[in-house]
Amino acid sequence: MGKKVTVVGAGFYGSTTAQRLAEYDVFDTVVITDIIEGKPEGLALDLNQSRPVEGFETKVVGVTTGKNGEGYEQIEGSDVVVITAGLPRKPGMSRMDLLETNARIVRQVAENVAKYAPNAVVIVVSNPLDEMTALAQLATQFPRNRVLGQAGMLDTARFTNFVAEALGVKVGSVRTLTLGSHGDTMVPVPSRSTVDGKPLRDVMPAEQIEELVVRTRNGGAEVVALLKTGSAYYAPSAAAARMARAVATDSGEVMPVCAWVDGEFGISGVYLGVEAEIGRDGVRRIVETPLDADEIESLKAAAEAVRAKQGDVANM
């Protein structure tokens, strides 16, 4: 039986993720769902008509879903489900402002995923990311390794891009890393960042690194403020699609993701941004990246900041 991936939510983020996944041509089927009648079907029709131009065979299927779970039977057999459903931020809103509204949406989606795609790996991208990932695991009751969140891939990409632009070098020559939470307690990791193999701290002044760290932490808000309506989706969808491909191909790639931490870095019992090896069952293992003492402390602080909020979502 061929590989199948479902993207829940046909907004800009979801539709762009579905496009990327289809164009990879590693899946037999990409299912895209939404509650807006006809929208996912229209997007699927449009994407399928791009196949002769782009040269991919993956079939895209659009499904309108109802509030009582109608339509979700179409996701049956999915190897991966990417949950993008939820409201995007508006200018001036924090990720946490979305908590209650998106918690209701994500819980309903997750329960239907558990019912119709019980063997899937779930990748959560709805905000606030760390809390929604924890909620999705509680609602599905899946093993924690099979529920992960997309944040570190995006934040790391933003950090890398900012460094490359500041230094006037190719993005391919820059390696950066961000861990922690997707928000105020994000932990960019300069000690693991390089430019052409040289430590970032050797080629960029500490003050400039700190400026880029702050800009990375506020990367989503910067895009939201410029767009005025809606939020980022090109970079986020690229990150989510790469994670889904790593699962589908059982690649074993090491990626910064939001994963369940149970003893690594001296932290236990919380979903947190860490590096992890990704395969067909989701997180194969957490990679304990060597960090400076102050980076370890920042990671522990991030864990405590998100722990209480993740506890709150259990009753939402």
Protein backbone atom coordinates (compact mmCIF):
# COMPACT_ATOMS: atom_id res chain seq x y z
CA MET A 1 0.00 0.00 0.00
CA GLY A 2 1.31 3.45 -0.94
CA LYS A 3 2.27 6.21 1.43
CA LYS A 4 -0.38 8.71 2.45
CA VAL A 5 -0.14 12.05 4.21
CA THR A 6 -2.96 14.27 5.44
CA VAL A 7 -2.79 18.01 5.96
CA VAL A 8 -5.59 19.28 8.21
CA GLY A 9 -6.43 22.89 7.39
CA ALA A 10 -6.48 24.42 3.90
CA GLY A 11 -5.37 27.94 4.74
CA PHE A 12 -2.15 29.39 3.32
CA TYR A 13 -0.02 27.23 5.62
CA GLY A 14 -1.91 24.01 4.93
CA SER A 15 -2.27 24.48 1.19
CA THR A 16 1.41 25.37 0.76
CA THR A 17 2.42 22.36 2.87
CA ALA A 18 0.22 20.12 0.71
CA GLN A 19 1.82 21.55 -2.44
CA ARG A 20 5.34 20.88 -1.15
CA LEU A 21 4.45 17.34 -0.08
CA ALA A 22 2.88 16.58 -3.45
CA GLU A 23 5.85 17.96 -5.37
CA TYR A 24 8.29 15.79 -3.38
CA ASP A 25 6.62 12.84 -5.16
CA VAL A 26 7.35 10.44 -2.28
CA PHE A 27 3.68 9.95 -1.36
CA ASP A 28 0.98 8.21 -3.37
CA THR A 29 -1.69 10.47 -1.88
CA VAL A 30 -1.86 13.86 -0.16
CA VAL A 31 -5.21 14.53 1.54
CA ILE A 32 -6.06 18.13 2.42
CA THR A 33 -9.05 18.85 4.66
CA ASP A 34 -10.93 21.93 5.79
CA ILE A 35 -14.26 22.92 7.31
CA ILE A 36 -14.93 25.46 4.54
CA GLU A 37 -17.08 23.59 2.05
CA GLY A 38 -15.44 23.09 -1.33
CA LYS A 39 -12.17 24.84 -0.48
CA PRO A 40 -10.02 21.70 -0.08
CA GLU A 41 -11.63 20.08 -3.12
CA GLY A 42 -10.88 23.18 -5.19
CA LEU A 43 -7.28 23.32 -4.03
CA ALA A 44 -6.83 19.61 -4.76
CA LEU A 45 -8.22 20.02 -8.27
CA ASP A 46 -5.87 22.94 -8.90
CA LEU A 47 -2.83 21.09 -7.49
CA ASN A 48 -3.57 17.96 -9.52
CA GLN A 49 -3.66 20.06 -12.67
CA SER A 50 -0.12 21.23 -11.91
CA ARG A 51 1.19 17.64 -12.06
CA PRO A 52 1.92 17.60 -15.80
CA VAL A 53 3.85 20.87 -15.48
CA GLU A 54 5.86 20.01 -12.37
CA GLY A 55 6.18 16.32 -13.25
CA PHE A 56 4.93 14.60 -10.11
CA GLU A 57 2.48 11.69 -9.80
CA THR A 58 1.24 12.17 -6.22
CA LYS A 59 -2.57 12.48 -6.19
CA VAL A 60 -4.09 15.26 -4.11
CA VAL A 61 -7.51 14.66 -2.55
CA GLY A 62 -9.58 17.44 -1.00
CA VAL A 63 -12.12 16.72 1.75
CA THR A 64 -14.60 19.03 3.50
CA THR A 65 -14.99 17.95 7.14
CA GLY A 66 -17.95 18.55 9.46
CA LYS A 67 -18.10 19.49 13.13
CA ASN A 68 -19.12 15.95 14.06
CA GLY A 69 -16.20 14.35 12.25
CA GLU A 70 -17.84 13.94 8.86
CA GLY A 71 -15.27 13.44 6.11
CA TYR A 72 -12.45 12.29 8.36
CA GLU A 73 -12.85 8.72 7.13
CA GLN A 74 -10.93 9.92 4.04
CA ILE A 75 -7.73 10.20 6.12
CA GLU A 76 -7.77 6.49 6.92
CA GLY A 77 -4.39 4.84 6.43
CA SER A 78 -2.39 8.07 6.67
CA ASP A 79 1.25 7.55 7.62
CA VAL A 80 1.60 11.20 8.63
CA VAL A 81 -0.94 13.85 9.64
CA VAL A 82 0.10 17.51 9.71
CA ILE A 83 -2.25 19.62 11.84
CA THR A 84 -2.29 23.23 10.68
CA ALA A 85 -5.88 23.90 11.77
CA GLY A 86 -6.51 26.93 13.97
CA LEU A 87 -6.58 30.69 13.81
CA PRO A 88 -3.44 32.55 12.69
CA ARG A 89 -2.12 35.49 14.66
CA LYS A 90 -3.16 39.06 13.96
CA PRO A 91 -0.84 42.06 14.51
CA GLY A 92 -0.34 42.65 18.23
CA MET A 93 -1.42 39.12 19.21
CA SER A 94 0.92 36.76 20.98
CA ARG A 95 0.93 33.03 20.28
CA MET A 96 -0.61 32.53 23.73
CA ASP A 97 -3.61 34.72 22.81
CA LEU A 98 -4.69 31.87 20.55
CA LEU A 99 -4.58 29.23 23.28
CA GLU A 100 -8.25 28.62 24.15
CA THR A 101 -9.63 28.98 20.63
CA ASN A 102 -7.05 26.74 19.01
CA ALA A 103 -7.17 24.21 21.87
CA ARG A 104 -10.80 23.44 21.01
CA ILE A 105 -9.96 23.08 17.33
CA VAL A 106 -6.85 20.94 17.83
CA ARG A 107 -8.57 18.63 20.33
CA GLN A 108 -11.41 17.91 17.90
CA VAL A 109 -8.97 17.28 15.05
CA ALA A 110 -6.73 15.06 17.18
CA GLU A 111 -9.64 12.91 18.33
CA ASN A 112 -10.65 12.30 14.72
CA VAL A 113 -7.06 11.49 13.76
CA ALA A 114 -6.95 8.90 16.56
CA LYS A 115 -10.20 7.39 15.29
CA TYR A 116 -9.39 7.19 11.59
CA ALA A 117 -5.56 7.17 11.38
CA PRO A 118 -4.50 5.36 14.56
CA ASN A 119 -1.03 4.48 13.25
CA ALA A 120 -0.09 7.95 11.99
CA VAL A 121 2.75 10.16 13.13
CA VAL A 122 1.25 13.56 14.00
CA ILE A 123 3.11 16.79 13.28
CA VAL A 124 1.51 19.79 14.98
CA VAL A 125 2.03 23.32 13.68
CA SER A 126 -0.92 25.13 15.30
CA ASN A 127 -0.04 27.90 17.77
CA PRO A 128 0.82 28.16 20.58
CA LEU A 129 3.01 25.33 19.32
CA ASP A 130 4.41 23.68 22.46
CA GLU A 131 1.03 23.63 24.18
CA MET A 132 -0.86 22.38 21.11
CA THR A 133 1.64 19.55 20.65
CA ALA A 134 1.07 18.44 24.24
CA LEU A 135 -2.70 18.69 23.75
CA ALA A 136 -2.61 16.64 20.54
CA GLN A 137 -0.77 13.84 22.35
CA LEU A 138 -3.29 13.87 25.20
CA ALA A 139 -6.24 13.90 22.80
CA THR A 140 -4.91 11.12 20.54
CA GLN A 141 -3.38 9.07 23.38
CA PHE A 142 -0.67 8.13 20.87
CA PRO A 143 2.78 7.16 22.13
CA ARG A 144 4.65 10.42 22.70
CA ASN A 145 7.28 9.63 20.06
CA ARG A 146 4.51 9.71 17.43
CA VAL A 147 3.37 13.26 18.25
CA LEU A 148 5.81 16.10 17.59
CA GLY A 149 5.69 19.79 16.80
CA GLN A 150 7.24 21.94 14.11
CA ALA A 151 9.07 24.94 15.53
CA GLY A 152 12.83 24.44 15.74
CA MET A 153 13.13 23.78 12.00
CA LEU A 154 11.47 27.12 11.28
CA ASP A 155 13.26 29.13 13.97
CA THR A 156 16.61 27.66 12.91
CA ALA A 157 15.90 28.55 9.28
CA ARG A 158 15.12 32.13 10.30
CA PHE A 159 18.32 32.38 12.36
CA THR A 160 20.36 30.93 9.48
CA ASN A 161 18.84 33.36 6.98
CA PHE A 162 19.49 36.37 9.21
CA VAL A 163 23.13 35.37 9.75
CA ALA A 164 23.69 34.77 6.02
CA GLU A 165 22.15 38.13 5.11
CA ALA A 166 24.11 40.00 7.79
CA LEU A 167 27.41 38.52 6.60
CA GLY A 168 26.61 38.57 2.88
CA VAL A 169 27.31 34.85 2.49
CA LYS A 170 25.39 31.93 0.97
CA VAL A 171 22.74 30.42 3.25
CA GLY A 172 24.24 27.01 2.49
CA SER A 173 27.48 28.01 4.21
CA VAL A 174 25.71 28.82 7.49
CA ARG A 175 24.69 26.34 10.19
CA THR A 176 22.66 27.53 13.17
CA LEU A 177 20.43 25.95 15.79
CA THR A 178 17.50 27.00 17.96
CA LEU A 179 16.04 24.95 20.81
CA GLY A 180 13.63 25.61 23.70
CA SER A 181 10.13 26.89 23.09
CA HIS A 182 8.51 28.46 20.06
CA GLY A 183 8.18 31.90 21.59
CA ASP A 184 9.64 34.05 24.33
CA THR A 185 11.82 31.29 25.78
CA MET A 186 13.31 30.23 22.46
CA VAL A 187 16.97 29.28 22.88
CA PRO A 188 19.12 30.11 19.83
CA VAL A 189 22.44 28.27 20.22
CA PRO A 190 25.40 30.36 19.02
CA SER A 191 27.86 27.75 20.36
CA ARG A 192 26.62 25.28 17.72
CA SER A 193 26.45 27.84 14.90
CA THR A 194 29.07 28.10 12.17
CA VAL A 195 29.86 29.97 8.96
CA ASP A 196 31.95 27.99 6.46
CA GLY A 197 32.85 25.73 9.37
CA LYS A 198 34.12 28.58 11.55
CA PRO A 199 32.37 29.28 14.87
CA LEU A 200 29.83 32.09 14.52
CA ARG A 201 31.39 33.85 17.50
CA ASP A 202 34.67 34.12 15.54
CA VAL A 203 33.12 35.88 12.54
CA MET A 204 30.43 38.06 14.14
CA PRO A 205 30.56 40.39 17.18
CA ALA A 206 28.63 39.22 20.26
CA GLU A 207 26.31 42.25 20.12
CA GLN A 208 25.33 41.50 16.52
CA ILE A 209 24.71 37.84 17.35
CA GLU A 210 22.43 38.96 20.18
CA GLU A 211 20.53 41.27 17.82
CA LEU A 212 19.93 38.39 15.42
CA VAL A 213 18.91 36.13 18.30
CA VAL A 214 16.26 38.67 19.31
CA ARG A 215 15.11 39.05 15.71
CA THR A 216 14.83 35.26 15.40
CA ARG A 217 12.78 35.08 18.60
CA ASN A 218 10.41 37.69 17.15
CA GLY A 219 10.58 36.29 13.60
CA GLY A 220 6.92 35.35 13.32
CA ALA A 221 5.69 38.65 14.79
CA GLU A 222 7.83 40.58 12.29
CA VAL A 223 6.12 38.82 9.38
CA VAL A 224 2.65 39.25 10.94
CA ALA A 225 3.22 42.99 11.45
CA LEU A 226 4.25 43.44 7.81
CA LEU A 227 1.45 41.33 6.33
CA LYS A 228 -1.22 42.88 8.58
CA THR A 229 -3.58 40.04 7.70
CA GLY A 230 -2.44 36.46 8.29
CA SER A 231 0.92 35.06 9.31
CA ALA A 232 3.99 33.39 7.80
CA TYR A 233 3.51 30.27 5.70
CA TYR A 234 6.27 29.82 3.11
CA ALA A 235 9.06 29.06 5.60
CA PRO A 236 6.79 27.26 8.11
CA SER A 237 5.34 24.99 5.42
CA ALA A 238 8.82 24.17 4.13
CA ALA A 239 9.82 23.11 7.64
CA ALA A 240 6.70 20.99 8.26
CA ALA A 241 6.96 19.31 4.87
CA ARG A 242 10.60 18.34 5.46
CA MET A 243 9.61 16.75 8.77
CA ALA A 244 6.79 14.80 7.11
CA ARG A 245 9.15 13.60 4.38
CA ALA A 246 11.68 12.44 6.99
CA VAL A 247 8.95 10.33 8.59
CA ALA A 248 7.67 8.92 5.30
CA THR A 249 11.12 7.98 4.05
CA ASP A 250 12.32 6.77 7.48
CA SER A 251 15.37 8.94 6.85
CA GLY A 252 16.86 9.19 10.35
CA GLU A 253 17.60 12.87 9.76
CA VAL A 254 18.44 14.88 12.87
CA MET A 255 16.16 17.92 13.10
CA PRO A 256 15.27 20.51 15.73
CA VAL A 257 11.64 19.69 16.65
CA CYS A 258 9.24 19.95 19.58
CA ALA A 259 9.50 16.50 21.18
CA TRP A 260 8.81 14.79 24.49
CA VAL A 261 11.87 15.07 26.72
CA ASP A 262 12.32 12.42 29.41
CA GLY A 263 15.66 12.81 31.17
CA GLU A 264 17.74 14.38 28.42
CA PHE A 265 19.62 17.55 29.45
CA GLY A 266 18.40 16.85 33.01
CA ILE A 267 14.83 17.73 31.90
CA SER A 268 11.84 15.39 32.16
CA GLY A 269 8.14 15.25 31.42
CA VAL A 270 7.64 18.08 28.95
CA TYR A 271 7.36 18.81 25.22
CA LEU A 272 10.33 21.00 24.29
CA GLY A 273 12.37 22.10 21.29
CA VAL A 274 15.34 19.74 20.99
CA GLU A 275 17.23 17.97 18.23
CA ALA A 276 15.82 14.55 17.42
CA GLU A 277 16.40 11.73 14.97
CA ILE A 278 13.26 11.37 12.84
CA GLY A 279 11.96 8.16 11.25
CA ARG A 280 8.80 6.26 10.40
CA ASP A 281 7.70 6.12 14.05
CA GLY A 282 8.31 9.81 14.60
CA VAL A 283 11.05 10.54 17.12
CA ARG A 284 13.58 7.70 17.23
CA ARG A 285 15.67 9.39 19.91
CA ILE A 286 16.47 12.78 21.36
CA VAL A 287 19.97 13.98 20.47
CA GLU A 288 21.70 15.56 23.46
CA THR A 289 23.47 18.31 21.59
CA PRO A 290 26.60 19.54 23.43
CA LEU A 291 25.67 22.96 24.83
CA ASP A 292 27.38 25.68 26.85
CA ALA A 293 26.43 25.93 30.52
CA ASP A 294 24.38 29.09 29.95
CA GLU A 295 22.56 27.45 27.01
CA ILE A 296 21.68 24.45 29.20
CA GLU A 297 20.29 26.83 31.83
CA SER A 298 18.24 28.65 29.19
CA LEU A 299 16.89 25.32 27.95
CA LYS A 300 15.90 24.33 31.49
CA ALA A 301 14.22 27.72 31.97
CA ALA A 302 12.29 27.21 28.72
CA ALA A 303 11.17 23.77 29.91
CA GLU A 304 9.78 25.21 33.15
CA ALA A 305 8.06 28.06 31.29
CA VAL A 306 6.18 25.70 28.98
CA ARG A 307 5.58 22.96 31.57
CA ALA A 308 2.87 24.86 33.45
CA LYS A 309 1.12 25.94 30.26
CA GLN A 310 1.18 22.39 28.91
CA GLY A 311 -0.42 21.24 32.15
CA ASP A 312 -3.23 23.77 31.61
CA VAL A 313 -4.24 22.35 28.21
CA ALA A 314 -5.13 18.95 29.64
CA ASN A 315 -8.56 20.29 30.61
CA MET A 316 -9.23 22.25 27.42
